[in-house]
Amino acid sequence: MRNATARKGQSLIDLALQESGSADWGEEVAKLNGLPADYVCAGGEVLEMPDGNETERKRIAAAGVVPVTGLDAGGWQQQGIGLCMVGELSVR
């Protein structure tokens, strides 16, 4: 396991996708950190992450994907464009 620093507006599902390669790890992130599953980060929190799928994590990072679903309309310029999705992300 390792730690990751959350961005403002990231949900635990966003962090799971970014740091573990799959949104499926969102519930595990919540459990590891004693947070509710619907928690949205204020920014700067250091959270423990499950190992997940390292190959997928690297592919997501290499593609420059930074999922941040909770941004307000003016926040994307500072934090990166948000990503809202249903299902799996495939980065090639």
N, C-alpha and C. Protein backbone atom coordinates (compact mmCIF):
# COMPACT_ATOMS: atom_id res chain seq x y z
N MET A 1 0.84 -1.18 0.00
CA MET A 1 0.00 0.00 0.00
C MET A 1 0.88 1.24 0.00
N ARG A 2 0.31 2.32 -0.50
CA ARG A 2 1.05 3.58 -0.56
C ARG A 2 0.08 4.72 -0.32
N ASN A 3 0.59 5.91 -0.24
CA ASN A 3 -0.23 7.10 0.00
C ASN A 3 -0.35 7.92 -1.27
N ALA A 4 -1.43 8.69 -1.35
CA ALA A 4 -1.65 9.62 -2.45
C ALA A 4 -2.24 10.90 -1.89
N THR A 5 -1.89 12.01 -2.50
CA THR A 5 -2.43 13.30 -2.10
C THR A 5 -3.60 13.65 -3.01
N ALA A 6 -4.74 13.91 -2.39
CA ALA A 6 -5.97 14.20 -3.14
C ALA A 6 -6.00 15.64 -3.64
N ARG A 7 -6.66 15.82 -4.77
CA ARG A 7 -6.92 17.15 -5.32
C ARG A 7 -8.30 17.61 -4.87
N LYS A 8 -8.50 18.90 -4.87
CA LYS A 8 -9.79 19.46 -4.51
C LYS A 8 -10.86 18.90 -5.45
N GLY A 9 -11.94 18.39 -4.86
CA GLY A 9 -13.06 17.89 -5.63
C GLY A 9 -12.97 16.43 -6.03
N GLN A 10 -11.87 15.76 -5.71
CA GLN A 10 -11.78 14.34 -6.06
C GLN A 10 -12.62 13.51 -5.11
N SER A 11 -13.38 12.59 -5.68
CA SER A 11 -14.10 11.61 -4.87
C SER A 11 -13.14 10.45 -4.60
N LEU A 12 -13.54 9.56 -3.72
CA LEU A 12 -12.71 8.40 -3.45
C LEU A 12 -12.67 7.47 -4.66
N ILE A 13 -13.72 7.49 -5.46
CA ILE A 13 -13.71 6.72 -6.71
C ILE A 13 -12.70 7.31 -7.69
N ASP A 14 -12.64 8.65 -7.76
CA ASP A 14 -11.63 9.30 -8.60
C ASP A 14 -10.22 8.86 -8.20
N LEU A 15 -9.96 8.90 -6.89
CA LEU A 15 -8.63 8.52 -6.40
C LEU A 15 -8.34 7.04 -6.66
N ALA A 16 -9.35 6.21 -6.47
CA ALA A 16 -9.16 4.78 -6.72
C ALA A 16 -8.78 4.54 -8.18
N LEU A 17 -9.48 5.19 -9.09
CA LEU A 17 -9.16 5.06 -10.51
C LEU A 17 -7.75 5.55 -10.80
N GLN A 18 -7.44 6.73 -10.31
CA GLN A 18 -6.13 7.33 -10.57
C GLN A 18 -4.98 6.55 -9.95
N GLU A 19 -5.15 6.08 -8.73
CA GLU A 19 -4.03 5.50 -7.98
C GLU A 19 -4.01 3.97 -7.94
N SER A 20 -5.13 3.33 -8.28
CA SER A 20 -5.19 1.86 -8.23
C SER A 20 -5.61 1.24 -9.55
N GLY A 21 -5.91 2.07 -10.55
CA GLY A 21 -6.21 1.56 -11.88
C GLY A 21 -7.64 1.19 -12.14
N SER A 22 -8.51 1.30 -11.13
CA SER A 22 -9.91 0.94 -11.32
C SER A 22 -10.78 1.67 -10.30
N ALA A 23 -11.92 2.14 -10.74
CA ALA A 23 -12.87 2.78 -9.84
C ALA A 23 -13.44 1.78 -8.84
N ASP A 24 -13.32 0.50 -9.14
CA ASP A 24 -13.82 -0.55 -8.25
C ASP A 24 -13.17 -0.51 -6.87
N TRP A 25 -12.02 0.11 -6.75
CA TRP A 25 -11.30 0.18 -5.48
C TRP A 25 -11.81 1.30 -4.59
N GLY A 26 -12.79 2.07 -5.01
CA GLY A 26 -13.30 3.21 -4.24
C GLY A 26 -13.74 2.86 -2.84
N GLU A 27 -14.47 1.77 -2.70
CA GLU A 27 -14.93 1.35 -1.38
C GLU A 27 -13.77 0.97 -0.47
N GLU A 28 -12.76 0.34 -1.04
CA GLU A 28 -11.57 -0.03 -0.27
C GLU A 28 -10.83 1.22 0.21
N VAL A 29 -10.74 2.25 -0.63
CA VAL A 29 -10.10 3.51 -0.24
C VAL A 29 -10.85 4.10 0.96
N ALA A 30 -12.18 4.08 0.90
CA ALA A 30 -12.99 4.59 2.01
C ALA A 30 -12.70 3.82 3.30
N LYS A 31 -12.67 2.50 3.22
CA LYS A 31 -12.41 1.67 4.40
C LYS A 31 -11.02 1.91 4.97
N LEU A 32 -10.02 1.96 4.09
CA LEU A 32 -8.64 2.15 4.56
C LEU A 32 -8.46 3.46 5.31
N ASN A 33 -9.25 4.47 4.94
CA ASN A 33 -9.08 5.80 5.51
C ASN A 33 -10.19 6.21 6.48
N GLY A 34 -11.11 5.29 6.77
CA GLY A 34 -12.19 5.58 7.71
C GLY A 34 -13.11 6.69 7.25
N LEU A 35 -13.38 6.74 5.95
CA LEU A 35 -14.21 7.79 5.37
C LEU A 35 -15.48 7.21 4.77
N PRO A 36 -16.54 8.02 4.67
CA PRO A 36 -17.74 7.53 3.99
C PRO A 36 -17.47 7.38 2.49
N ALA A 37 -18.15 6.47 1.85
CA ALA A 37 -17.92 6.17 0.44
C ALA A 37 -18.17 7.37 -0.47
N ASP A 38 -19.03 8.31 -0.04
CA ASP A 38 -19.34 9.47 -0.87
C ASP A 38 -18.49 10.70 -0.52
N TYR A 39 -17.41 10.51 0.20
CA TYR A 39 -16.55 11.62 0.62
C TYR A 39 -15.93 12.32 -0.60
N VAL A 40 -15.93 13.64 -0.57
CA VAL A 40 -15.29 14.45 -1.61
C VAL A 40 -14.16 15.23 -0.94
N CYS A 41 -12.97 15.15 -1.50
CA CYS A 41 -11.78 15.73 -0.89
C CYS A 41 -11.74 17.25 -1.01
N ALA A 42 -11.25 17.89 0.04
CA ALA A 42 -11.08 19.34 0.05
C ALA A 42 -9.78 19.73 -0.66
N GLY A 43 -8.89 18.78 -0.81
CA GLY A 43 -7.59 19.03 -1.45
C GLY A 43 -6.47 18.98 -0.42
N GLY A 44 -5.42 18.26 -0.75
CA GLY A 44 -4.27 18.16 0.12
C GLY A 44 -4.30 17.01 1.11
N GLU A 45 -5.41 16.30 1.22
CA GLU A 45 -5.46 15.15 2.12
C GLU A 45 -4.53 14.06 1.61
N VAL A 46 -3.80 13.44 2.51
CA VAL A 46 -2.95 12.30 2.15
C VAL A 46 -3.69 11.05 2.59
N LEU A 47 -4.06 10.22 1.61
CA LEU A 47 -4.87 9.04 1.88
C LEU A 47 -4.12 7.77 1.52
N GLU A 48 -4.39 6.73 2.27
CA GLU A 48 -3.80 5.42 1.99
C GLU A 48 -4.55 4.78 0.83
N MET A 49 -3.81 4.20 -0.11
CA MET A 49 -4.39 3.60 -1.31
C MET A 49 -4.08 2.11 -1.37
N PRO A 50 -5.02 1.31 -1.86
CA PRO A 50 -4.72 -0.10 -2.11
C PRO A 50 -3.79 -0.22 -3.32
N ASP A 51 -3.09 -1.32 -3.41
CA ASP A 51 -2.15 -1.50 -4.52
C ASP A 51 -2.85 -1.54 -5.87
N GLY A 52 -3.94 -2.26 -5.98
CA GLY A 52 -4.69 -2.30 -7.24
C GLY A 52 -3.90 -2.89 -8.39
N ASN A 53 -4.18 -2.41 -9.58
CA ASN A 53 -3.57 -2.91 -10.80
C ASN A 53 -2.53 -1.89 -11.27
N GLU A 54 -1.27 -2.17 -11.03
CA GLU A 54 -0.19 -1.23 -11.33
C GLU A 54 -0.08 -0.94 -12.83
N THR A 55 -0.33 -1.92 -13.67
CA THR A 55 -0.27 -1.71 -15.12
C THR A 55 -1.32 -0.70 -15.56
N GLU A 56 -2.56 -0.85 -15.09
CA GLU A 56 -3.62 0.09 -15.44
C GLU A 56 -3.35 1.47 -14.87
N ARG A 57 -2.85 1.52 -13.63
CA ARG A 57 -2.52 2.81 -13.01
C ARG A 57 -1.51 3.57 -13.85
N LYS A 58 -0.49 2.87 -14.33
CA LYS A 58 0.53 3.51 -15.16
C LYS A 58 -0.04 3.97 -16.49
N ARG A 59 -0.93 3.19 -17.07
CA ARG A 59 -1.55 3.58 -18.34
C ARG A 59 -2.40 4.84 -18.18
N ILE A 60 -3.14 4.91 -17.09
CA ILE A 60 -3.97 6.08 -16.81
C ILE A 60 -3.08 7.31 -16.61
N ALA A 61 -2.02 7.16 -15.83
CA ALA A 61 -1.10 8.27 -15.58
C ALA A 61 -0.42 8.73 -16.88
N ALA A 62 0.01 7.77 -17.70
CA ALA A 62 0.69 8.11 -18.96
C ALA A 62 -0.24 8.86 -19.92
N ALA A 63 -1.53 8.58 -19.83
CA ALA A 63 -2.50 9.26 -20.69
C ALA A 63 -2.86 10.65 -20.15
N GLY A 64 -2.39 10.97 -18.96
CA GLY A 64 -2.67 12.28 -18.38
C GLY A 64 -4.06 12.41 -17.80
N VAL A 65 -4.70 11.30 -17.50
CA VAL A 65 -6.05 11.32 -16.94
C VAL A 65 -5.96 11.64 -15.45
N VAL A 66 -6.65 12.71 -15.05
CA VAL A 66 -6.75 13.09 -13.64
C VAL A 66 -8.23 13.26 -13.33
N PRO A 67 -8.87 12.20 -12.84
CA PRO A 67 -10.30 12.28 -12.59
C PRO A 67 -10.62 13.17 -11.39
N VAL A 68 -11.42 14.19 -11.62
CA VAL A 68 -11.86 15.11 -10.56
C VAL A 68 -13.32 15.44 -10.86
N THR A 69 -14.24 14.66 -10.32
CA THR A 69 -15.65 14.83 -10.66
C THR A 69 -16.35 15.92 -9.88
N GLY A 70 -15.77 16.38 -8.78
CA GLY A 70 -16.47 17.32 -7.91
C GLY A 70 -16.10 18.77 -8.07
N LEU A 71 -15.49 19.16 -9.17
CA LEU A 71 -15.08 20.55 -9.34
C LEU A 71 -16.27 21.46 -9.61
N ASP A 72 -16.16 22.68 -9.11
CA ASP A 72 -17.16 23.68 -9.46
C ASP A 72 -16.83 24.22 -10.85
N ALA A 73 -17.71 25.02 -11.40
CA ALA A 73 -17.54 25.50 -12.77
C ALA A 73 -16.25 26.27 -12.98
N GLY A 74 -15.76 26.98 -11.98
CA GLY A 74 -14.55 27.78 -12.16
C GLY A 74 -13.28 27.08 -11.73
N GLY A 75 -13.37 25.86 -11.18
CA GLY A 75 -12.20 25.22 -10.62
C GLY A 75 -11.35 24.40 -11.56
N TRP A 76 -11.87 24.06 -12.72
CA TRP A 76 -11.12 23.14 -13.59
C TRP A 76 -9.82 23.73 -14.09
N GLN A 77 -9.71 25.03 -14.22
CA GLN A 77 -8.48 25.62 -14.74
C GLN A 77 -7.31 25.35 -13.78
N GLN A 78 -7.57 25.33 -12.48
CA GLN A 78 -6.51 25.14 -11.51
C GLN A 78 -6.21 23.66 -11.24
N GLN A 79 -7.20 22.80 -11.35
CA GLN A 79 -7.06 21.42 -10.90
C GLN A 79 -6.96 20.40 -12.03
N GLY A 80 -7.36 20.72 -13.22
CA GLY A 80 -7.43 19.74 -14.30
C GLY A 80 -8.89 19.50 -14.64
N ILE A 81 -9.16 19.08 -15.83
CA ILE A 81 -10.53 18.87 -16.28
C ILE A 81 -11.11 17.66 -15.58
N GLY A 82 -12.35 17.76 -15.12
CA GLY A 82 -13.00 16.67 -14.43
C GLY A 82 -13.40 15.55 -15.38
N LEU A 83 -13.58 14.37 -14.85
CA LEU A 83 -13.98 13.21 -15.63
C LEU A 83 -15.10 12.52 -14.88
N CYS A 84 -16.24 12.42 -15.51
CA CYS A 84 -17.36 11.71 -14.93
C CYS A 84 -17.66 10.55 -15.86
N MET A 85 -17.75 9.36 -15.33
CA MET A 85 -17.92 8.20 -16.20
C MET A 85 -18.72 7.12 -15.53
N VAL A 86 -19.26 6.25 -16.34
CA VAL A 86 -19.95 5.07 -15.87
C VAL A 86 -19.31 3.91 -16.62
N GLY A 87 -18.94 2.88 -15.92
CA GLY A 87 -18.32 1.72 -16.56
C GLY A 87 -16.81 1.80 -16.47
N GLU A 88 -16.15 1.14 -17.37
CA GLU A 88 -14.70 1.03 -17.33
C GLU A 88 -14.03 2.05 -18.22
N LEU A 89 -12.84 2.46 -17.83
CA LEU A 89 -12.00 3.34 -18.64
C LEU A 89 -10.96 2.48 -19.34
N SER A 90 -10.83 2.68 -20.61
CA SER A 90 -9.82 1.96 -21.37
C SER A 90 -8.89 2.99 -21.98
N VAL A 91 -7.63 2.96 -21.59
CA VAL A 91 -6.64 3.89 -22.10
C VAL A 91 -5.66 3.09 -22.96
N ARG A 92 -5.48 3.53 -24.19
CA ARG A 92 -4.58 2.80 -25.09
C ARG A 92 -3.53 3.73 -25.62
